[in-house]
Amino acid sequence: MTTLVVIAKEPRPGRVKTRLTPRFTPREAAALAEAALADTLDTVAAAPASRRLLMLDGAPGRWLPPGFDVQAQCAGGLDERLADAFAHCAGPALLIGMDTPQITPALLTVDFADCDAYLGPAEDGGFWAIGLAVPDPALLRGVPMSTPVTGKAQGERLAAAGLRVRELPRLRDVDTADDARAVAAEAPHGRFAACLAELTRTGGER
C-alpha cells in the first residue's frame, strides 16, 4: 500500500496564501489556508494508505487529525523540500500539497502495478500531486518550481529516467481569490467553502 504525504506550511497570518491579499486580510487568508489544510488532511485520513506523513513547515495545530507522522521540512527551495519528503518514504508514495481542498479519497487511491510514477497537473502549469513507486529524491532536485512550466519539466524528468508515468486529473490550486471561489464551488460541503462563504458574508473579500 502507498504512503500518502502532505507537504504544508503552518497556516499563520503573513506566511501563507499571500496572493489572496489584499482581497483578504493576512488573518483571513490564513483562515482559508487552515480550512484548505484541514480538508486536505481529512481526505488523506479517509484514503487507503500504509502510512500518512505530514511534512510541515511550522508547528501542528488543531487542524491535524490523528494518525499522521509529522516531520519538519528541510531548508532550501521547494524542489529540495519535495525531494526530502520522498527521502522519508521507504516504499511507494504519493505526495500532495495543501492547495487543493477539492481532492477526494478516490483521487488519492493509486496503484503502481502498471506504472512507476504519477503526476497530477495543475491549471497554473505546476503539479498538485507526484507519486513514485520507488522514491528517489534525485527525480525532484533541480526541477524549476513555481513556474508556468513546472509540471512539464517534472514530467520530462520522470520520462528521462525511463519511468512509466500515469497522469492524474488536472486540478486547480488555490492561489488567488478567483481560484478560491472556483475551488469552493467544486467542493461546496468542505471547511474551505464554508470559510470562504463566511468571509464573503461578513465582508471579508474586498
N, C-alpha and C. Protein backbone atom coordinates (compact mmCIF):
# COMPACT_ATOMS: atom_id res chain seq x y z
N MET A 1 0.85 -1.20 0.00
CA MET A 1 0.00 0.00 0.00
C MET A 1 0.88 1.25 0.00
N THR A 2 0.30 2.37 -0.34
CA THR A 2 1.05 3.61 -0.58
C THR A 2 1.12 4.49 0.67
N THR A 3 2.28 5.14 0.83
CA THR A 3 2.39 6.22 1.80
C THR A 3 1.81 7.48 1.18
N LEU A 4 0.94 8.16 1.90
CA LEU A 4 0.39 9.44 1.44
C LEU A 4 1.11 10.55 2.20
N VAL A 5 1.66 11.49 1.45
CA VAL A 5 2.47 12.57 2.03
C VAL A 5 1.81 13.91 1.71
N VAL A 6 1.70 14.75 2.72
CA VAL A 6 1.22 16.12 2.54
C VAL A 6 2.36 17.06 2.93
N ILE A 7 2.69 17.98 2.05
CA ILE A 7 3.69 19.00 2.38
C ILE A 7 2.94 20.31 2.59
N ALA A 8 3.19 20.95 3.73
CA ALA A 8 2.34 22.09 4.11
C ALA A 8 3.09 23.07 4.99
N LYS A 9 2.55 24.28 5.04
CA LYS A 9 3.01 25.30 5.97
C LYS A 9 1.97 25.47 7.08
N GLU A 10 2.45 25.74 8.28
CA GLU A 10 1.54 26.11 9.35
C GLU A 10 0.77 27.36 8.91
N PRO A 11 -0.56 27.33 9.00
CA PRO A 11 -1.36 28.47 8.49
C PRO A 11 -1.34 29.67 9.43
N ARG A 12 -0.26 30.42 9.37
CA ARG A 12 -0.11 31.63 10.19
C ARG A 12 -0.22 32.87 9.31
N PRO A 13 -0.88 33.92 9.79
CA PRO A 13 -1.05 35.14 9.00
C PRO A 13 0.30 35.69 8.52
N GLY A 14 0.33 36.06 7.25
CA GLY A 14 1.54 36.61 6.66
C GLY A 14 2.50 35.58 6.11
N ARG A 15 2.25 34.29 6.39
CA ARG A 15 3.16 33.24 5.92
C ARG A 15 2.52 32.35 4.86
N VAL A 16 1.20 32.40 4.74
CA VAL A 16 0.50 31.52 3.81
C VAL A 16 -0.49 32.32 2.97
N LYS A 17 -0.70 31.83 1.76
CA LYS A 17 -1.71 32.42 0.87
C LYS A 17 -1.58 33.93 0.74
N THR A 18 -0.35 34.40 0.57
CA THR A 18 -0.13 35.85 0.48
C THR A 18 -0.73 36.43 -0.80
N ARG A 19 -0.96 35.61 -1.81
CA ARG A 19 -1.57 36.12 -3.04
C ARG A 19 -3.07 36.35 -2.89
N LEU A 20 -3.64 35.93 -1.78
CA LEU A 20 -5.04 36.24 -1.51
C LEU A 20 -5.24 37.65 -0.98
N THR A 21 -4.14 38.29 -0.57
CA THR A 21 -4.22 39.68 -0.13
C THR A 21 -3.88 40.58 -1.31
N PRO A 22 -4.49 41.77 -1.39
CA PRO A 22 -5.31 42.44 -0.37
C PRO A 22 -6.80 42.12 -0.46
N ARG A 23 -7.21 41.19 -1.33
CA ARG A 23 -8.65 40.86 -1.37
C ARG A 23 -9.13 40.36 0.00
N PHE A 24 -8.22 39.68 0.72
CA PHE A 24 -8.47 39.27 2.09
C PHE A 24 -7.33 39.78 2.95
N THR A 25 -7.58 39.97 4.23
CA THR A 25 -6.50 40.35 5.14
C THR A 25 -5.60 39.14 5.36
N PRO A 26 -4.37 39.36 5.86
CA PRO A 26 -3.50 38.21 6.16
C PRO A 26 -4.16 37.21 7.11
N ARG A 27 -4.91 37.69 8.10
CA ARG A 27 -5.58 36.77 9.03
C ARG A 27 -6.67 35.97 8.31
N GLU A 28 -7.41 36.61 7.43
CA GLU A 28 -8.45 35.90 6.67
C GLU A 28 -7.82 34.90 5.70
N ALA A 29 -6.72 35.29 5.06
CA ALA A 29 -6.03 34.37 4.16
C ALA A 29 -5.53 33.15 4.93
N ALA A 30 -5.04 33.37 6.15
CA ALA A 30 -4.58 32.25 6.97
C ALA A 30 -5.74 31.34 7.37
N ALA A 31 -6.91 31.94 7.61
CA ALA A 31 -8.09 31.13 7.93
C ALA A 31 -8.48 30.25 6.74
N LEU A 32 -8.41 30.79 5.54
CA LEU A 32 -8.69 30.00 4.35
C LEU A 32 -7.65 28.90 4.18
N ALA A 33 -6.39 29.22 4.44
CA ALA A 33 -5.33 28.21 4.34
C ALA A 33 -5.55 27.09 5.35
N GLU A 34 -5.94 27.46 6.57
CA GLU A 34 -6.20 26.44 7.58
C GLU A 34 -7.36 25.54 7.17
N ALA A 35 -8.40 26.12 6.61
CA ALA A 35 -9.53 25.33 6.16
C ALA A 35 -9.14 24.39 5.03
N ALA A 36 -8.34 24.89 4.09
CA ALA A 36 -7.87 24.06 2.99
C ALA A 36 -7.02 22.90 3.51
N LEU A 37 -6.14 23.20 4.46
CA LEU A 37 -5.28 22.17 5.03
C LEU A 37 -6.11 21.13 5.79
N ALA A 38 -7.08 21.59 6.56
CA ALA A 38 -7.93 20.66 7.30
C ALA A 38 -8.71 19.74 6.36
N ASP A 39 -9.28 20.30 5.29
CA ASP A 39 -9.98 19.48 4.30
C ASP A 39 -9.02 18.46 3.68
N THR A 40 -7.83 18.90 3.34
CA THR A 40 -6.84 18.02 2.71
C THR A 40 -6.47 16.87 3.63
N LEU A 41 -6.18 17.17 4.88
CA LEU A 41 -5.77 16.13 5.82
C LEU A 41 -6.92 15.17 6.12
N ASP A 42 -8.14 15.66 6.20
CA ASP A 42 -9.28 14.78 6.41
C ASP A 42 -9.45 13.82 5.24
N THR A 43 -9.23 14.32 4.02
CA THR A 43 -9.34 13.45 2.85
C THR A 43 -8.24 12.40 2.85
N VAL A 44 -7.02 12.80 3.19
CA VAL A 44 -5.92 11.84 3.28
C VAL A 44 -6.22 10.79 4.35
N ALA A 45 -6.79 11.23 5.48
CA ALA A 45 -7.13 10.29 6.55
C ALA A 45 -8.17 9.27 6.10
N ALA A 46 -9.02 9.66 5.15
CA ALA A 46 -10.08 8.77 4.68
C ALA A 46 -9.64 7.87 3.53
N ALA A 47 -8.48 8.14 2.95
CA ALA A 47 -7.98 7.36 1.82
C ALA A 47 -7.15 6.18 2.32
N PRO A 48 -7.13 5.08 1.58
CA PRO A 48 -6.31 3.94 2.00
C PRO A 48 -4.82 4.28 1.90
N ALA A 49 -4.07 3.91 2.93
CA ALA A 49 -2.64 4.22 2.96
C ALA A 49 -1.96 3.33 3.97
N SER A 50 -0.70 3.01 3.69
CA SER A 50 0.10 2.26 4.66
C SER A 50 0.64 3.19 5.74
N ARG A 51 0.75 4.47 5.39
CA ARG A 51 1.29 5.48 6.31
C ARG A 51 0.83 6.84 5.82
N ARG A 52 0.62 7.75 6.76
CA ARG A 52 0.25 9.12 6.42
C ARG A 52 1.28 10.04 7.05
N LEU A 53 1.94 10.83 6.19
CA LEU A 53 3.07 11.65 6.61
C LEU A 53 2.81 13.10 6.29
N LEU A 54 2.98 13.96 7.28
CA LEU A 54 2.87 15.41 7.08
C LEU A 54 4.25 16.02 7.19
N MET A 55 4.73 16.59 6.10
CA MET A 55 6.00 17.33 6.09
C MET A 55 5.63 18.80 6.33
N LEU A 56 5.95 19.28 7.51
CA LEU A 56 5.39 20.54 7.97
C LEU A 56 6.46 21.61 8.19
N ASP A 57 6.17 22.80 7.68
CA ASP A 57 6.96 23.99 7.98
C ASP A 57 6.20 24.74 9.07
N GLY A 58 6.61 24.57 10.32
CA GLY A 58 5.91 25.19 11.43
C GLY A 58 5.51 24.16 12.45
N ALA A 59 4.49 24.47 13.22
CA ALA A 59 4.04 23.60 14.32
C ALA A 59 2.64 23.08 14.04
N PRO A 60 2.33 21.85 14.48
CA PRO A 60 0.98 21.31 14.31
C PRO A 60 -0.04 22.13 15.10
N GLY A 61 -1.28 22.09 14.62
CA GLY A 61 -2.36 22.82 15.29
C GLY A 61 -3.61 21.96 15.39
N ARG A 62 -4.71 22.60 15.70
CA ARG A 62 -5.99 21.91 15.91
C ARG A 62 -6.49 21.24 14.63
N TRP A 63 -5.93 21.64 13.51
CA TRP A 63 -6.35 21.12 12.21
C TRP A 63 -5.77 19.74 11.91
N LEU A 64 -4.86 19.23 12.73
CA LEU A 64 -4.19 17.96 12.45
C LEU A 64 -4.99 16.80 13.04
N PRO A 65 -5.53 15.92 12.20
CA PRO A 65 -6.26 14.76 12.74
C PRO A 65 -5.28 13.70 13.23
N PRO A 66 -5.76 12.72 13.99
CA PRO A 66 -4.87 11.65 14.44
C PRO A 66 -4.43 10.77 13.28
N GLY A 67 -3.34 10.04 13.49
CA GLY A 67 -2.90 9.06 12.52
C GLY A 67 -1.83 9.53 11.56
N PHE A 68 -1.29 10.73 11.78
CA PHE A 68 -0.24 11.26 10.91
C PHE A 68 1.11 11.27 11.62
N ASP A 69 2.15 10.84 10.89
CA ASP A 69 3.52 11.12 11.32
C ASP A 69 3.84 12.54 10.88
N VAL A 70 4.46 13.31 11.74
CA VAL A 70 4.81 14.69 11.41
C VAL A 70 6.33 14.83 11.41
N GLN A 71 6.86 15.35 10.30
CA GLN A 71 8.29 15.61 10.17
C GLN A 71 8.47 17.06 9.73
N ALA A 72 9.54 17.68 10.21
CA ALA A 72 9.83 19.05 9.81
C ALA A 72 10.40 19.07 8.40
N GLN A 73 10.00 20.07 7.62
CA GLN A 73 10.59 20.26 6.30
C GLN A 73 12.05 20.67 6.45
N CYS A 74 12.84 20.29 5.47
CA CYS A 74 14.24 20.71 5.45
C CYS A 74 14.34 22.14 4.92
N ALA A 75 15.52 22.72 5.03
CA ALA A 75 15.77 24.03 4.44
C ALA A 75 15.94 23.88 2.93
N GLY A 76 15.86 25.02 2.22
CA GLY A 76 16.10 25.01 0.79
C GLY A 76 14.87 25.31 -0.01
N GLY A 77 15.01 25.27 -1.33
CA GLY A 77 13.92 25.56 -2.24
C GLY A 77 12.88 24.44 -2.22
N LEU A 78 11.79 24.69 -2.93
CA LEU A 78 10.70 23.71 -2.93
C LEU A 78 11.16 22.37 -3.50
N ASP A 79 12.00 22.39 -4.52
CA ASP A 79 12.48 21.12 -5.07
C ASP A 79 13.23 20.31 -4.02
N GLU A 80 14.03 20.97 -3.19
CA GLU A 80 14.76 20.28 -2.14
C GLU A 80 13.81 19.74 -1.08
N ARG A 81 12.77 20.51 -0.77
CA ARG A 81 11.84 20.07 0.27
C ARG A 81 10.97 18.91 -0.21
N LEU A 82 10.59 18.93 -1.48
CA LEU A 82 9.86 17.79 -2.04
C LEU A 82 10.75 16.55 -2.08
N ALA A 83 11.98 16.73 -2.50
CA ALA A 83 12.93 15.62 -2.55
C ALA A 83 13.12 15.02 -1.16
N ASP A 84 13.26 15.87 -0.15
CA ASP A 84 13.46 15.39 1.21
C ASP A 84 12.24 14.63 1.72
N ALA A 85 11.05 15.06 1.30
CA ALA A 85 9.84 14.34 1.70
C ALA A 85 9.89 12.90 1.22
N PHE A 86 10.30 12.69 -0.02
CA PHE A 86 10.41 11.33 -0.54
C PHE A 86 11.52 10.54 0.14
N ALA A 87 12.53 11.24 0.64
CA ALA A 87 13.60 10.56 1.36
C ALA A 87 13.10 9.95 2.67
N HIS A 88 11.94 10.41 3.16
CA HIS A 88 11.34 9.86 4.37
C HIS A 88 10.41 8.68 4.09
N CYS A 89 10.35 8.25 2.83
CA CYS A 89 9.43 7.17 2.44
C CYS A 89 10.23 5.94 2.02
N ALA A 90 9.82 4.78 2.54
CA ALA A 90 10.55 3.55 2.26
C ALA A 90 9.98 2.78 1.08
N GLY A 91 8.74 3.10 0.69
CA GLY A 91 8.10 2.38 -0.40
C GLY A 91 7.29 3.32 -1.26
N PRO A 92 6.36 2.81 -2.04
CA PRO A 92 5.55 3.66 -2.91
C PRO A 92 4.92 4.82 -2.15
N ALA A 93 4.95 6.00 -2.75
CA ALA A 93 4.46 7.19 -2.06
C ALA A 93 3.82 8.15 -3.05
N LEU A 94 2.76 8.82 -2.59
CA LEU A 94 2.09 9.87 -3.35
C LEU A 94 2.12 11.12 -2.50
N LEU A 95 2.64 12.21 -3.07
CA LEU A 95 2.79 13.47 -2.34
C LEU A 95 1.85 14.52 -2.93
N ILE A 96 1.20 15.26 -2.03
CA ILE A 96 0.34 16.37 -2.43
C ILE A 96 0.63 17.58 -1.56
N GLY A 97 0.10 18.73 -1.96
CA GLY A 97 0.23 19.94 -1.17
C GLY A 97 -1.05 20.24 -0.42
N MET A 98 -1.19 21.48 0.05
CA MET A 98 -2.36 21.89 0.84
C MET A 98 -3.26 22.84 0.05
N ASP A 99 -3.04 22.95 -1.27
CA ASP A 99 -3.73 23.94 -2.08
C ASP A 99 -4.89 23.39 -2.89
N THR A 100 -5.24 22.12 -2.68
CA THR A 100 -6.32 21.51 -3.47
C THR A 100 -7.33 20.83 -2.53
N PRO A 101 -8.09 21.63 -1.77
CA PRO A 101 -9.04 21.04 -0.82
C PRO A 101 -10.19 20.29 -1.49
N GLN A 102 -10.28 20.37 -2.81
CA GLN A 102 -11.34 19.66 -3.53
C GLN A 102 -11.00 18.20 -3.80
N ILE A 103 -9.81 17.75 -3.40
CA ILE A 103 -9.45 16.35 -3.64
C ILE A 103 -10.40 15.40 -2.93
N THR A 104 -10.45 14.16 -3.42
CA THR A 104 -11.28 13.12 -2.85
C THR A 104 -10.41 11.90 -2.54
N PRO A 105 -10.87 11.01 -1.66
CA PRO A 105 -10.11 9.78 -1.43
C PRO A 105 -9.85 8.99 -2.71
N ALA A 106 -10.82 9.00 -3.63
CA ALA A 106 -10.64 8.25 -4.88
C ALA A 106 -9.45 8.76 -5.67
N LEU A 107 -9.25 10.09 -5.70
CA LEU A 107 -8.12 10.65 -6.43
C LEU A 107 -6.79 10.21 -5.84
N LEU A 108 -6.78 9.91 -4.54
CA LEU A 108 -5.54 9.54 -3.86
C LEU A 108 -5.32 8.03 -3.80
N THR A 109 -6.25 7.28 -4.35
CA THR A 109 -6.13 5.82 -4.35
C THR A 109 -5.45 5.39 -5.63
N VAL A 110 -4.14 5.24 -5.56
CA VAL A 110 -3.35 4.95 -6.76
C VAL A 110 -2.77 3.54 -6.67
N ASP A 111 -2.48 2.98 -7.82
CA ASP A 111 -1.95 1.63 -7.93
C ASP A 111 -0.72 1.67 -8.84
N PHE A 112 0.40 1.28 -8.30
CA PHE A 112 1.64 1.31 -9.07
C PHE A 112 1.91 0.00 -9.80
N ALA A 113 0.89 -0.87 -9.92
CA ALA A 113 1.12 -2.17 -10.54
C ALA A 113 1.57 -2.05 -12.00
N ASP A 114 1.07 -1.04 -12.72
CA ASP A 114 1.42 -0.92 -14.14
C ASP A 114 2.07 0.42 -14.47
N CYS A 115 2.63 1.08 -13.47
CA CYS A 115 3.36 2.32 -13.75
C CYS A 115 4.39 2.54 -12.65
N ASP A 116 5.29 3.48 -12.90
CA ASP A 116 6.35 3.79 -11.94
C ASP A 116 6.14 5.13 -11.26
N ALA A 117 5.29 5.96 -11.84
CA ALA A 117 5.10 7.31 -11.29
C ALA A 117 3.73 7.84 -11.68
N TYR A 118 3.24 8.75 -10.85
CA TYR A 118 2.02 9.51 -11.13
C TYR A 118 2.37 10.99 -11.10
N LEU A 119 1.67 11.76 -11.94
CA LEU A 119 1.81 13.21 -11.92
C LEU A 119 0.43 13.83 -12.11
N GLY A 120 0.07 14.72 -11.18
CA GLY A 120 -1.21 15.40 -11.26
C GLY A 120 -1.00 16.84 -11.69
N PRO A 121 -1.29 17.19 -12.94
CA PRO A 121 -1.05 18.56 -13.41
C PRO A 121 -2.01 19.55 -12.77
N ALA A 122 -1.54 20.76 -12.59
CA ALA A 122 -2.36 21.85 -12.06
C ALA A 122 -2.65 22.85 -13.17
N GLU A 123 -3.75 23.56 -13.02
CA GLU A 123 -4.17 24.53 -14.05
C GLU A 123 -3.13 25.62 -14.29
N ASP A 124 -2.33 25.95 -13.27
CA ASP A 124 -1.36 27.03 -13.41
C ASP A 124 -0.04 26.59 -14.03
N GLY A 125 0.04 25.33 -14.45
CA GLY A 125 1.26 24.83 -15.07
C GLY A 125 2.15 24.05 -14.13
N GLY A 126 1.81 24.03 -12.87
CA GLY A 126 2.56 23.23 -11.91
C GLY A 126 1.98 21.83 -11.80
N PHE A 127 2.13 21.23 -10.63
CA PHE A 127 1.50 19.94 -10.39
C PHE A 127 1.02 19.90 -8.94
N TRP A 128 -0.12 19.21 -8.74
CA TRP A 128 -0.71 19.12 -7.40
C TRP A 128 -0.35 17.81 -6.72
N ALA A 129 0.14 16.84 -7.49
CA ALA A 129 0.50 15.54 -6.91
C ALA A 129 1.63 14.92 -7.71
N ILE A 130 2.49 14.20 -7.00
CA ILE A 130 3.51 13.39 -7.65
C ILE A 130 3.68 12.12 -6.86
N GLY A 131 3.69 11.00 -7.56
CA GLY A 131 3.83 9.71 -6.91
C GLY A 131 4.97 8.92 -7.51
N LEU A 132 5.68 8.19 -6.67
CA LEU A 132 6.80 7.38 -7.12
C LEU A 132 6.71 5.99 -6.51
N ALA A 133 6.81 4.96 -7.36
CA ALA A 133 6.82 3.59 -6.86
C ALA A 133 8.06 3.33 -6.03
N VAL A 134 9.18 3.88 -6.48
CA VAL A 134 10.45 3.79 -5.75
C VAL A 134 10.90 5.22 -5.49
N PRO A 135 10.70 5.72 -4.29
CA PRO A 135 11.06 7.12 -4.01
C PRO A 135 12.53 7.40 -4.28
N ASP A 136 12.77 8.39 -5.12
CA ASP A 136 14.14 8.79 -5.47
C ASP A 136 14.20 10.31 -5.43
N PRO A 137 14.80 10.88 -4.38
CA PRO A 137 14.84 12.34 -4.27
C PRO A 137 15.48 13.03 -5.47
N ALA A 138 16.37 12.35 -6.16
CA ALA A 138 17.05 12.96 -7.31
C ALA A 138 16.09 13.29 -8.44
N LEU A 139 14.92 12.66 -8.45
CA LEU A 139 13.96 12.93 -9.51
C LEU A 139 13.29 14.29 -9.35
N LEU A 140 13.47 14.93 -8.20
CA LEU A 140 12.87 16.24 -7.97
C LEU A 140 13.89 17.36 -7.83
N ARG A 141 15.07 17.05 -7.37
CA ARG A 141 16.06 18.10 -7.16
C ARG A 141 16.44 18.75 -8.49
N GLY A 142 16.41 20.08 -8.50
CA GLY A 142 16.80 20.83 -9.70
C GLY A 142 15.67 21.12 -10.65
N VAL A 143 14.49 20.56 -10.42
CA VAL A 143 13.34 20.89 -11.27
C VAL A 143 12.87 22.30 -10.90
N PRO A 144 12.72 23.21 -11.88
CA PRO A 144 12.30 24.58 -11.56
C PRO A 144 10.87 24.60 -11.02
N MET A 145 10.70 25.19 -9.86
CA MET A 145 9.41 25.19 -9.20
C MET A 145 8.73 26.56 -9.34
N SER A 146 7.40 26.53 -9.16
CA SER A 146 6.59 27.76 -9.16
C SER A 146 6.73 28.55 -10.46
N THR A 147 6.75 27.84 -11.58
CA THR A 147 6.78 28.48 -12.89
C THR A 147 5.64 27.90 -13.73
N PRO A 148 5.30 28.54 -14.85
CA PRO A 148 4.25 28.00 -15.71
C PRO A 148 4.61 26.68 -16.38
N VAL A 149 5.88 26.27 -16.30
CA VAL A 149 6.30 25.03 -16.96
C VAL A 149 6.80 24.00 -15.95
N THR A 150 6.51 24.19 -14.67
CA THR A 150 6.99 23.26 -13.66
C THR A 150 6.47 21.85 -13.89
N GLY A 151 5.18 21.71 -14.17
CA GLY A 151 4.62 20.39 -14.41
C GLY A 151 5.24 19.71 -15.61
N LYS A 152 5.44 20.46 -16.68
CA LYS A 152 6.07 19.92 -17.90
C LYS A 152 7.50 19.47 -17.59
N ALA A 153 8.24 20.30 -16.87
CA ALA A 153 9.62 19.97 -16.55
C ALA A 153 9.71 18.73 -15.66
N GLN A 154 8.80 18.63 -14.70
CA GLN A 154 8.82 17.46 -13.83
C GLN A 154 8.45 16.20 -14.61
N GLY A 155 7.47 16.30 -15.49
CA GLY A 155 7.12 15.17 -16.33
C GLY A 155 8.27 14.72 -17.20
N GLU A 156 8.98 15.68 -17.77
CA GLU A 156 10.14 15.35 -18.60
C GLU A 156 11.24 14.68 -17.79
N ARG A 157 11.42 15.12 -16.54
CA ARG A 157 12.42 14.50 -15.67
C ARG A 157 12.07 13.02 -15.41
N LEU A 158 10.81 12.77 -15.16
CA LEU A 158 10.39 11.39 -14.90
C LEU A 158 10.55 10.53 -16.15
N ALA A 159 10.16 11.08 -17.30
CA ALA A 159 10.28 10.33 -18.55
C ALA A 159 11.73 10.07 -18.90
N ALA A 160 12.59 11.05 -18.67
CA ALA A 160 14.02 10.89 -18.97
C ALA A 160 14.66 9.79 -18.13
N ALA A 161 14.07 9.54 -16.95
CA ALA A 161 14.57 8.48 -16.09
C ALA A 161 14.05 7.11 -16.50
N GLY A 162 13.25 7.09 -17.57
CA GLY A 162 12.72 5.83 -18.07
C GLY A 162 11.52 5.31 -17.32
N LEU A 163 10.85 6.18 -16.57
CA LEU A 163 9.71 5.76 -15.78
C LEU A 163 8.42 5.76 -16.61
N ARG A 164 7.56 4.83 -16.32
CA ARG A 164 6.22 4.80 -16.91
C ARG A 164 5.34 5.70 -16.05
N VAL A 165 4.83 6.78 -16.66
CA VAL A 165 4.12 7.81 -15.90
C VAL A 165 2.63 7.80 -16.26
N ARG A 166 1.80 7.80 -15.22
CA ARG A 166 0.37 7.95 -15.43
C ARG A 166 -0.04 9.33 -14.93
N GLU A 167 -0.94 9.96 -15.68
CA GLU A 167 -1.37 11.31 -15.33
C GLU A 167 -2.67 11.27 -14.56
N LEU A 168 -2.70 12.00 -13.45
CA LEU A 168 -3.92 12.17 -12.67
C LEU A 168 -4.75 13.31 -13.25
N PRO A 169 -6.00 13.45 -12.85
CA PRO A 169 -6.82 14.55 -13.37
C PRO A 169 -6.20 15.92 -13.07
N ARG A 170 -6.41 16.86 -13.97
CA ARG A 170 -5.93 18.23 -13.79
C ARG A 170 -6.81 18.95 -12.76
N LEU A 171 -6.18 19.59 -11.78
CA LEU A 171 -6.91 20.32 -10.74
C LEU A 171 -6.43 21.77 -10.68
N ARG A 172 -7.24 22.57 -10.00
CA ARG A 172 -6.92 23.98 -9.83
C ARG A 172 -6.42 24.21 -8.40
N ASP A 173 -5.23 24.78 -8.27
CA ASP A 173 -4.70 25.18 -6.97
C ASP A 173 -5.39 26.45 -6.49
N VAL A 174 -5.44 26.62 -5.18
CA VAL A 174 -5.93 27.88 -4.61
C VAL A 174 -4.74 28.82 -4.42
N ASP A 175 -4.62 29.79 -5.29
CA ASP A 175 -3.59 30.82 -5.16
C ASP A 175 -4.21 32.21 -5.04
N THR A 176 -5.23 32.47 -5.84
CA THR A 176 -5.86 33.79 -5.90
C THR A 176 -7.30 33.71 -5.41
N ALA A 177 -7.93 34.89 -5.25
CA ALA A 177 -9.33 34.93 -4.84
C ALA A 177 -10.23 34.25 -5.87
N ASP A 178 -9.92 34.40 -7.15
CA ASP A 178 -10.70 33.72 -8.19
C ASP A 178 -10.57 32.20 -8.05
N ASP A 179 -9.34 31.74 -7.78
CA ASP A 179 -9.14 30.30 -7.55
C ASP A 179 -9.98 29.83 -6.37
N ALA A 180 -9.98 30.61 -5.31
CA ALA A 180 -10.71 30.22 -4.10
C ALA A 180 -12.18 30.02 -4.40
N ARG A 181 -12.78 30.93 -5.14
CA ARG A 181 -14.20 30.81 -5.47
C ARG A 181 -14.46 29.57 -6.33
N ALA A 182 -13.59 29.34 -7.32
CA ALA A 182 -13.79 28.20 -8.21
C ALA A 182 -13.64 26.87 -7.47
N VAL A 183 -12.65 26.79 -6.60
CA VAL A 183 -12.42 25.54 -5.86
C VAL A 183 -13.53 25.31 -4.84
N ALA A 184 -13.99 26.36 -4.19
CA ALA A 184 -15.10 26.22 -3.24
C ALA A 184 -16.35 25.70 -3.94
N ALA A 185 -16.57 26.13 -5.18
CA ALA A 185 -17.72 25.65 -5.93
C ALA A 185 -17.60 24.16 -6.27
N GLU A 186 -16.37 23.68 -6.42
CA GLU A 186 -16.14 22.27 -6.72
C GLU A 186 -16.36 21.39 -5.48
N ALA A 187 -16.12 21.95 -4.31
CA ALA A 187 -16.25 21.19 -3.06
C ALA A 187 -17.07 22.02 -2.07
N PRO A 188 -18.38 22.17 -2.34
CA PRO A 188 -19.19 23.11 -1.58
C PRO A 188 -19.48 22.70 -0.14
N HIS A 189 -19.18 21.47 0.23
CA HIS A 189 -19.54 20.99 1.56
C HIS A 189 -18.34 20.93 2.52
N GLY A 190 -17.18 21.41 2.08
CA GLY A 190 -15.99 21.32 2.91
C GLY A 190 -15.79 22.54 3.80
N ARG A 191 -14.78 22.45 4.65
CA ARG A 191 -14.45 23.56 5.52
C ARG A 191 -14.02 24.79 4.71
N PHE A 192 -13.30 24.53 3.61
CA PHE A 192 -12.80 25.65 2.81
C PHE A 192 -13.96 26.47 2.25
N ALA A 193 -14.94 25.79 1.67
CA ALA A 193 -16.09 26.50 1.11
C ALA A 193 -16.85 27.24 2.20
N ALA A 194 -17.00 26.61 3.36
CA ALA A 194 -17.71 27.25 4.47
C ALA A 194 -16.96 28.50 4.95
N CYS A 195 -15.64 28.40 5.04
CA CYS A 195 -14.84 29.54 5.47
C CYS A 195 -14.94 30.69 4.48
N LEU A 196 -14.85 30.37 3.18
CA LEU A 196 -14.96 31.41 2.16
C LEU A 196 -16.34 32.06 2.21
N ALA A 197 -17.38 31.25 2.36
CA ALA A 197 -18.74 31.80 2.42
C ALA A 197 -18.90 32.73 3.62
N GLU A 198 -18.33 32.35 4.75
CA GLU A 198 -18.44 33.18 5.95
C GLU A 198 -17.69 34.49 5.77
N LEU A 199 -16.48 34.44 5.22
CA LEU A 199 -15.72 35.66 4.99
C LEU A 199 -16.43 36.57 4.00
N THR A 200 -17.02 35.98 2.97
CA THR A 200 -17.75 36.78 1.99
C THR A 200 -18.99 37.41 2.62
N ARG A 201 -19.67 36.63 3.46
CA ARG A 201 -20.88 37.13 4.12
C ARG A 201 -20.59 38.29 5.05
N THR A 202 -19.44 38.23 5.72
CA THR A 202 -19.09 39.28 6.69
C THR A 202 -18.27 40.40 6.06
N GLY A 203 -18.14 40.37 4.72
CA GLY A 203 -17.43 41.44 4.04
C GLY A 203 -15.94 41.29 4.01
N GLY A 204 -15.46 40.04 4.19
CA GLY A 204 -14.01 39.85 4.22
C GLY A 204 -13.34 40.11 2.88
N GLU A 205 -14.03 39.73 1.78
CA GLU A 205 -13.42 39.92 0.47
C GLU A 205 -13.60 41.36 0.03
N ARG A 206 -12.50 41.95 -0.44
CA ARG A 206 -12.52 43.35 -0.80
C ARG A 206 -12.44 43.53 -2.31
